[in-house]
N, C-alpha and C. Protein backbone atom coordinates (compact mmCIF):
# COMPACT_ATOMS: atom_id res chain seq x y z
N MET A 1 45.63 -6.19 -25.64
CA MET A 1 46.00 -7.49 -24.78
C MET A 1 46.30 -8.76 -25.53
N THR A 2 46.68 -9.64 -24.75
CA THR A 2 47.33 -10.68 -25.60
C THR A 2 46.68 -12.12 -24.76
N LEU A 3 46.11 -13.02 -25.46
CA LEU A 3 45.56 -14.34 -24.66
C LEU A 3 46.97 -15.26 -25.12
N TYR A 4 47.30 -15.87 -24.09
CA TYR A 4 48.28 -16.76 -23.81
C TYR A 4 47.47 -18.06 -23.57
N ARG A 5 48.05 -19.26 -24.06
CA ARG A 5 47.48 -20.56 -23.70
C ARG A 5 48.69 -21.39 -23.30
N ILE A 6 48.72 -22.03 -22.59
CA ILE A 6 49.71 -23.20 -22.25
C ILE A 6 48.90 -24.66 -22.13
N TYR A 7 49.30 -25.63 -23.28
CA TYR A 7 48.68 -26.79 -23.34
C TYR A 7 49.65 -27.79 -22.79
N THR A 8 49.25 -28.41 -21.67
CA THR A 8 49.99 -29.74 -20.86
C THR A 8 49.49 -30.77 -20.47
N GLU A 9 50.09 -31.72 -20.32
CA GLU A 9 49.21 -33.07 -19.63
C GLU A 9 48.81 -32.80 -18.58
N ALA A 10 47.60 -33.25 -18.31
CA ALA A 10 46.96 -33.14 -16.82
C ALA A 10 47.26 -34.02 -15.88
N VAL A 11 48.47 -33.72 -15.41
CA VAL A 11 49.07 -34.54 -14.45
C VAL A 11 49.83 -33.29 -13.31
N ASN A 12 49.52 -33.71 -11.92
CA ASN A 12 50.13 -32.66 -10.96
C ASN A 12 49.30 -31.49 -11.07
N VAL A 13 47.92 -31.66 -11.26
CA VAL A 13 47.27 -30.54 -11.46
C VAL A 13 47.08 -29.30 -10.60
N ASP A 14 46.98 -30.13 -9.27
CA ASP A 14 47.13 -29.04 -8.13
C ASP A 14 48.53 -28.08 -8.24
N TRP A 15 49.50 -28.73 -8.32
CA TRP A 15 50.82 -28.11 -8.49
C TRP A 15 50.69 -26.93 -9.41
N ILE A 16 50.51 -27.61 -10.69
CA ILE A 16 50.26 -26.44 -11.88
C ILE A 16 49.26 -25.19 -11.54
N VAL A 17 48.01 -25.62 -10.82
CA VAL A 17 47.16 -24.43 -10.57
C VAL A 17 48.10 -23.33 -9.54
N ASP A 18 48.48 -24.03 -8.43
CA ASP A 18 49.05 -23.51 -7.28
C ASP A 18 50.31 -22.37 -7.74
N THR A 19 51.03 -23.00 -8.89
CA THR A 19 52.20 -22.49 -9.33
C THR A 19 51.62 -21.14 -10.15
N ALA A 20 50.57 -21.61 -11.17
CA ALA A 20 50.20 -20.40 -11.78
C ALA A 20 49.68 -19.30 -11.18
N ALA A 21 48.66 -19.53 -9.95
CA ALA A 21 48.25 -18.60 -9.31
C ALA A 21 49.17 -17.90 -8.45
N ALA A 22 50.35 -18.13 -8.01
CA ALA A 22 51.53 -17.41 -7.34
C ALA A 22 52.07 -16.42 -8.37
N ARG A 23 51.68 -16.65 -9.75
CA ARG A 23 52.56 -15.94 -10.44
C ARG A 23 51.51 -14.81 -11.47
N PHE A 24 50.13 -15.24 -11.61
CA PHE A 24 49.43 -14.51 -12.47
C PHE A 24 47.90 -14.37 -11.19
N PRO A 25 47.43 -13.11 -11.45
CA PRO A 25 46.44 -12.68 -10.59
C PRO A 25 44.94 -13.37 -11.17
N ALA A 26 45.02 -13.77 -12.35
CA ALA A 26 43.76 -14.26 -12.87
C ALA A 26 44.00 -15.07 -14.28
N PHE A 27 43.61 -16.17 -14.37
CA PHE A 27 43.55 -17.18 -15.44
C PHE A 27 42.50 -18.07 -15.41
N THR A 28 42.26 -19.07 -16.72
CA THR A 28 41.16 -19.94 -16.53
C THR A 28 41.97 -21.36 -16.71
N VAL A 29 41.53 -22.44 -16.23
CA VAL A 29 41.87 -23.71 -16.42
C VAL A 29 40.80 -24.39 -17.28
N LEU A 30 41.19 -25.14 -18.37
CA LEU A 30 40.31 -25.97 -19.15
C LEU A 30 40.75 -27.36 -19.13
N ARG A 31 40.11 -28.45 -18.68
CA ARG A 31 40.40 -29.84 -18.98
C ARG A 31 40.08 -30.21 -20.48
N ALA A 32 40.90 -31.06 -21.18
CA ALA A 32 40.73 -31.32 -22.43
C ALA A 32 41.22 -32.67 -22.76
N ASP A 33 40.71 -33.37 -23.72
CA ASP A 33 41.13 -34.67 -24.21
C ASP A 33 42.43 -34.13 -25.52
N GLY A 34 43.68 -34.51 -25.18
CA GLY A 34 44.43 -33.91 -26.22
C GLY A 34 45.27 -35.31 -27.01
N PHE A 35 46.12 -34.76 -27.80
CA PHE A 35 46.76 -36.07 -28.62
C PHE A 35 48.17 -35.57 -28.62
N TRP A 36 49.27 -36.27 -28.64
CA TRP A 36 50.64 -36.21 -28.54
C TRP A 36 51.27 -37.32 -28.98
N GLN A 37 51.84 -37.17 -30.36
CA GLN A 37 52.44 -38.25 -31.23
C GLN A 37 51.66 -39.40 -31.02
N GLY A 38 50.39 -39.05 -31.56
CA GLY A 38 49.43 -40.12 -32.12
C GLY A 38 48.81 -40.75 -30.88
N ASN A 39 49.03 -40.43 -29.78
CA ASN A 39 48.48 -40.94 -28.43
C ASN A 39 47.56 -40.01 -27.77
N SER A 40 46.44 -40.64 -27.07
CA SER A 40 45.30 -39.69 -26.59
C SER A 40 46.17 -39.52 -24.91
N GLU A 41 45.46 -38.20 -24.57
CA GLU A 41 46.03 -38.15 -23.09
C GLU A 41 45.30 -37.10 -22.55
N SER A 42 45.03 -37.18 -21.25
CA SER A 42 44.35 -36.01 -20.64
C SER A 42 45.13 -34.81 -20.46
N SER A 43 44.28 -33.74 -20.76
CA SER A 43 45.33 -32.43 -21.19
C SER A 43 44.47 -31.24 -20.42
N LEU A 44 45.62 -30.20 -20.07
CA LEU A 44 44.97 -29.23 -19.31
C LEU A 44 45.32 -27.99 -20.18
N VAL A 45 44.70 -27.04 -20.30
CA VAL A 45 44.99 -25.57 -21.00
C VAL A 45 44.69 -24.63 -20.12
N LEU A 46 45.80 -23.77 -19.69
CA LEU A 46 45.75 -22.51 -19.04
C LEU A 46 45.93 -21.47 -19.98
N GLU A 47 44.66 -20.65 -19.48
CA GLU A 47 44.46 -19.33 -20.67
C GLU A 47 44.65 -18.17 -19.46
N PHE A 48 45.35 -17.35 -20.25
CA PHE A 48 45.92 -15.86 -19.62
C PHE A 48 45.68 -14.77 -20.39
N LEU A 49 44.99 -13.78 -20.04
CA LEU A 49 44.64 -12.75 -20.75
C LEU A 49 45.09 -11.58 -20.07
N THR A 50 46.44 -11.00 -20.93
CA THR A 50 47.36 -10.04 -20.05
C THR A 50 48.00 -9.32 -21.09
N GLU A 51 48.70 -8.36 -20.73
CA GLU A 51 49.59 -7.61 -21.60
C GLU A 51 50.59 -8.39 -22.24
N GLU A 52 51.11 -7.75 -23.35
CA GLU A 52 52.19 -8.62 -24.15
C GLU A 52 53.30 -8.90 -23.57
N HIS A 53 53.79 -7.82 -22.57
CA HIS A 53 55.10 -7.96 -22.10
C HIS A 53 55.22 -8.92 -20.93
N ASN A 54 54.09 -9.62 -20.46
CA ASN A 54 54.03 -10.80 -19.71
C ASN A 54 54.40 -12.17 -20.43
N ALA A 55 54.96 -11.96 -21.65
CA ALA A 55 55.15 -13.05 -22.54
C ALA A 55 56.24 -14.10 -21.75
N ALA A 56 57.18 -13.40 -21.20
CA ALA A 56 58.35 -14.18 -20.56
C ALA A 56 57.88 -14.81 -19.14
N ALA A 57 57.08 -14.25 -18.48
CA ALA A 57 56.36 -14.94 -17.27
C ALA A 57 55.59 -16.30 -17.63
N VAL A 58 54.91 -16.16 -18.81
CA VAL A 58 53.94 -17.44 -19.06
C VAL A 58 55.15 -18.40 -19.82
N ASN A 59 56.05 -17.95 -20.44
CA ASN A 59 57.26 -19.15 -20.88
C ASN A 59 57.66 -19.67 -19.82
N LEU A 60 58.19 -19.00 -18.86
CA LEU A 60 58.60 -19.49 -17.38
C LEU A 60 57.72 -20.51 -16.71
N LEU A 61 56.55 -20.22 -16.80
CA LEU A 61 55.57 -21.00 -16.05
C LEU A 61 55.52 -22.28 -16.84
N ALA A 62 55.31 -22.29 -18.30
CA ALA A 62 55.46 -23.33 -19.10
C ALA A 62 56.58 -24.40 -19.11
N HIS A 63 57.77 -23.36 -18.75
CA HIS A 63 59.16 -24.41 -18.53
C HIS A 63 58.95 -25.04 -17.39
N ALA A 64 58.55 -24.32 -16.38
CA ALA A 64 58.34 -25.00 -14.88
C ALA A 64 57.48 -26.25 -14.90
N ILE A 65 56.38 -26.13 -15.77
CA ILE A 65 55.52 -27.37 -15.94
C ILE A 65 56.27 -28.30 -16.45
N LYS A 66 56.87 -28.04 -17.62
CA LYS A 66 57.80 -28.98 -18.29
C LYS A 66 58.61 -29.90 -17.61
N VAL A 67 59.39 -29.15 -16.77
CA VAL A 67 60.56 -29.74 -16.03
C VAL A 67 59.82 -30.58 -14.73
N HIS A 68 58.67 -29.67 -14.28
CA HIS A 68 58.25 -30.48 -13.12
C HIS A 68 57.51 -31.84 -13.38
N ASN A 69 56.79 -31.82 -14.73
CA ASN A 69 56.35 -32.95 -15.00
C ASN A 69 57.01 -34.06 -16.06
N ALA A 70 58.10 -33.72 -16.11
CA ALA A 70 59.23 -34.26 -17.09
C ALA A 70 58.75 -34.64 -18.40
N GLN A 71 58.07 -33.57 -19.13
CA GLN A 71 57.51 -33.82 -20.24
C GLN A 71 58.65 -33.52 -21.42
N ASN A 72 58.11 -34.09 -22.56
CA ASN A 72 58.99 -33.51 -23.61
C ASN A 72 58.86 -32.31 -24.10
N ALA A 73 57.56 -31.97 -24.13
CA ALA A 73 57.23 -30.41 -24.75
C ALA A 73 56.01 -30.08 -23.92
N VAL A 74 55.70 -28.76 -23.61
CA VAL A 74 54.59 -27.97 -23.50
C VAL A 74 54.36 -26.78 -24.48
N LEU A 75 53.23 -26.81 -24.97
CA LEU A 75 53.09 -25.98 -25.98
C LEU A 75 52.31 -24.50 -25.35
N VAL A 76 52.72 -23.50 -25.85
CA VAL A 76 52.40 -21.82 -25.55
C VAL A 76 52.13 -21.30 -26.76
N VAL A 77 50.72 -20.89 -26.80
CA VAL A 77 50.15 -20.07 -27.94
C VAL A 77 49.83 -18.67 -27.50
N SER A 78 50.07 -17.90 -28.51
CA SER A 78 49.78 -16.48 -27.91
C SER A 78 48.83 -15.62 -29.48
N GLN A 79 48.01 -15.38 -28.73
CA GLN A 79 46.88 -14.54 -29.68
C GLN A 79 46.70 -12.90 -29.43
N LYS A 80 46.82 -12.09 -30.24
CA LYS A 80 46.38 -10.78 -29.98
C LYS A 80 45.00 -10.70 -29.72
N VAL A 81 44.29 -9.95 -29.11
CA VAL A 81 42.89 -10.05 -28.87
C VAL A 81 42.28 -8.65 -28.36
N ASP A 82 41.02 -8.44 -28.77
CA ASP A 82 40.44 -7.11 -28.42
C ASP A 82 39.48 -7.79 -27.17
N SER A 83 39.48 -7.11 -25.97
CA SER A 83 38.85 -7.55 -24.87
C SER A 83 37.85 -6.42 -24.17
N THR A 84 36.67 -6.68 -23.52
CA THR A 84 36.06 -5.69 -22.86
C THR A 84 35.69 -6.50 -21.51
N LEU A 85 35.86 -5.76 -20.41
CA LEU A 85 35.14 -6.26 -19.21
C LEU A 85 33.95 -5.73 -18.89
N ILE A 86 32.95 -6.42 -18.85
CA ILE A 86 31.87 -5.59 -18.61
C ILE A 86 30.94 -6.03 -17.38
């Protein structure tokens, strides 16, 4: 499995969550304090635990968020993980 994270500014949060929910059956939303180019901003982290072949879908979502929120950049991080649903 791969854990993907999208880091973005916490604006248009309802739109972001609705858009993610339309594309993924499960994910986690975390609110955070982030810094971009030396400035503090309210941030949002979306986490997806999914198969590696879904990287394109995660990147498309990140791009949609970037365009919708007129951001300079949205960070996508991926990490191979072992997971167990108990």
